[in-house]
PDB file of N, CA and C in Angstrom:
ATOM      1  N   MET A   1       6.696  46.178  27.193  1.00  0.00           N
ATOM      2  CA  MET A   1       7.020  44.773  27.546  1.00  0.00           C
ATOM      3  C   MET A   1       6.901  43.871  26.413  1.00  0.00           C
ATOM      4  N   ARG A   2       7.708  42.896  26.326  1.00  0.00           N
ATOM      5  CA  ARG A   2       7.664  41.888  25.226  1.00  0.00           C
ATOM      6  C   ARG A   2       6.525  40.953  25.379  1.00  0.00           C
ATOM      7  N   PHE A   3       6.018  40.536  24.289  1.00  0.00           N
ATOM      8  CA  PHE A   3       4.844  39.610  24.257  1.00  0.00           C
ATOM      9  C   PHE A   3       5.149  38.347  25.062  1.00  0.00           C
ATOM     10  N   GLU A   4       6.314  37.750  24.874  1.00  0.00           N
ATOM     11  CA  GLU A   4       6.728  36.556  25.616  1.00  0.00           C
ATOM     12  C   GLU A   4       6.669  36.766  27.141  1.00  0.00           C
ATOM     13  N   GLN A   5       7.063  37.926  27.556  1.00  0.00           N
ATOM     14  CA  GLN A   5       7.049  38.246  28.934  1.00  0.00           C
ATOM     15  C   GLN A   5       5.679  38.253  29.484  1.00  0.00           C
ATOM     16  N   LEU A   6       4.680  38.914  28.678  1.00  0.00           N
ATOM     17  CA  LEU A   6       3.365  38.967  29.097  1.00  0.00           C
ATOM     18  C   LEU A   6       2.737  37.618  29.246  1.00  0.00           C
ATOM     19  N   VAL A   7       3.025  36.707  28.245  1.00  0.00           N
ATOM     20  CA  VAL A   7       2.539  35.311  28.238  1.00  0.00           C
ATOM     21  C   VAL A   7       3.121  34.602  29.475  1.00  0.00           C
ATOM     22  N   GLU A   8       4.363  34.732  29.740  1.00  0.00           N
ATOM     23  CA  GLU A   8       5.028  34.061  30.884  1.00  0.00           C
ATOM     24  C   GLU A   8       4.360  34.487  32.168  1.00  0.00           C
ATOM     25  N   ASN A   9       4.193  35.823  32.221  1.00  0.00           N
ATOM     26  CA  ASN A   9       3.538  36.330  33.567  1.00  0.00           C
ATOM     27  C   ASN A   9       2.169  35.774  33.743  1.00  0.00           C
ATOM     28  N   ARG A  10       1.403  35.587  32.683  1.00  0.00           N
ATOM     29  CA  ARG A  10       0.025  35.131  32.681  1.00  0.00           C
ATOM     30  C   ARG A  10      -0.023  33.633  33.132  1.00  0.00           C
ATOM     31  N   ILE A  11       0.961  32.860  32.579  1.00  0.00           N
ATOM     32  CA  ILE A  11       1.155  31.437  32.961  1.00  0.00           C
ATOM     33  C   ILE A  11       1.507  31.304  34.395  1.00  0.00           C
ATOM     34  N   LEU A  12       2.428  32.136  34.927  1.00  0.00           N
ATOM     35  CA  LEU A  12       2.873  32.072  36.249  1.00  0.00           C
ATOM     36  C   LEU A  12       1.705  32.377  37.181  1.00  0.00           C
ATOM     37  N   GLU A  13       0.903  33.361  36.813  1.00  0.00           N
ATOM     38  CA  GLU A  13      -0.160  33.699  37.658  1.00  0.00           C
ATOM     39  C   GLU A  13      -1.220  32.631  37.692  1.00  0.00           C
ATOM     40  N   ALA A  14      -1.451  31.881  36.594  1.00  0.00           N
ATOM     41  CA  ALA A  14      -2.395  30.800  36.524  1.00  0.00           C
ATOM     42  C   ALA A  14      -1.872  29.741  37.330  1.00  0.00           C
ATOM     43  N   ILE A  15      -0.651  29.433  37.333  1.00  0.00           N
ATOM     44  CA  ILE A  15      -0.050  28.378  38.277  1.00  0.00           C
ATOM     45  C   ILE A  15      -0.200  28.685  39.698  1.00  0.00           C
ATOM     46  N   GLU A  16       0.007  29.939  40.061  1.00  0.00           N
ATOM     47  CA  GLU A  16      -0.177  30.337  41.344  1.00  0.00           C
ATOM     48  C   GLU A  16      -1.597  30.254  41.908  1.00  0.00           C
ATOM     49  N   GLU A  17      -2.451  30.464  40.913  1.00  0.00           N
ATOM     50  CA  GLU A  17      -3.945  30.256  41.339  1.00  0.00           C
ATOM     51  C   GLU A  17      -4.379  28.825  41.393  1.00  0.00           C
ATOM     52  N   GLY A  18      -3.506  27.915  40.850  1.00  0.00           N
ATOM     53  CA  GLY A  18      -3.740  26.531  40.957  1.00  0.00           C
ATOM     54  C   GLY A  18      -4.534  26.004  39.717  1.00  0.00           C
ATOM     55  N   VAL A  19      -4.502  26.806  38.626  1.00  0.00           N
ATOM     56  CA  VAL A  19      -5.164  26.398  37.410  1.00  0.00           C
ATOM     57  C   VAL A  19      -4.495  25.123  36.782  1.00  0.00           C
ATOM     58  N   PHE A  20      -3.166  25.053  36.875  1.00  0.00           N
ATOM     59  CA  PHE A  20      -2.475  23.916  36.293  1.00  0.00           C
ATOM     60  C   PHE A  20      -2.146  22.840  37.381  1.00  0.00           C
ATOM     61  N   ALA A  21      -2.663  22.940  38.600  1.00  0.00           N
ATOM     62  CA  ALA A  21      -2.381  22.031  39.707  1.00  0.00           C
ATOM     63  C   ALA A  21      -2.653  20.619  39.319  1.00  0.00           C
ATOM     64  N   GLY A  22      -3.640  20.391  38.408  1.00  0.00           N
ATOM     65  CA  GLY A  22      -4.008  18.990  38.054  1.00  0.00           C
ATOM     66  C   GLY A  22      -3.320  18.470  36.867  1.00  0.00           C
ATOM     67  N   ILE A  23      -2.459  19.306  36.265  1.00  0.00           N
ATOM     68  CA  ILE A  23      -1.752  18.936  35.002  1.00  0.00           C
ATOM     69  C   ILE A  23      -0.367  18.434  35.277  1.00  0.00           C
ATOM     70  N   PRO A  24      -0.010  17.117  35.268  1.00  0.00           N
ATOM     71  CA  PRO A  24       1.344  16.682  35.656  1.00  0.00           C
ATOM     72  C   PRO A  24       2.414  17.364  34.767  1.00  0.00           C
ATOM     73  N   GLY A  25       3.409  17.832  35.468  1.00  0.00           N
ATOM     74  CA  GLY A  25       4.639  18.363  34.720  1.00  0.00           C
ATOM     75  C   GLY A  25       4.464  19.687  34.096  1.00  0.00           C
ATOM     76  N   GLU A  26       3.342  20.360  34.336  1.00  0.00           N
ATOM     77  CA  GLU A  26       3.003  21.618  33.646  1.00  0.00           C
ATOM     78  C   GLU A  26       3.866  22.714  34.234  1.00  0.00           C
ATOM     79  N   GLY A  27       3.968  22.755  35.603  1.00  0.00           N
ATOM     80  CA  GLY A  27       4.703  23.847  36.253  1.00  0.00           C
ATOM     81  C   GLY A  27       6.183  23.617  36.456  1.00  0.00           C
ATOM     82  N   ALA A  28       6.639  22.353  36.401  1.00  0.00           N
ATOM     83  CA  ALA A  28       8.041  22.039  36.595  1.00  0.00           C
ATOM     84  C   ALA A  28       9.002  22.791  35.761  1.00  0.00           C
ATOM     85  N   PRO A  29       8.878  22.848  34.375  1.00  0.00           N
ATOM     86  CA  PRO A  29       9.856  23.606  33.557  1.00  0.00           C
ATOM     87  C   PRO A  29       9.903  25.080  33.776  1.00  0.00           C
ATOM     88  N   LEU A  30       8.860  25.606  34.380  1.00  0.00           N
ATOM     89  CA  LEU A  30       8.718  27.041  34.506  1.00  0.00           C
ATOM     90  C   LEU A  30       9.262  27.549  35.872  1.00  0.00           C
ATOM     91  N   GLN A  31       9.654  26.706  36.698  1.00  0.00           N
ATOM     92  CA  GLN A  31      10.077  27.070  38.125  1.00  0.00           C
ATOM     93  C   GLN A  31      11.577  27.226  38.071  1.00  0.00           C
TER      94      GLN A  31
END
């Protein structure tokens, strides 16, 4: 698996867990 894919998966998991819930605009570009 490519490194970029691993990073993206980690970010998406973090968003799902609500880690970035308090950061405005953090999740929007990834959806």
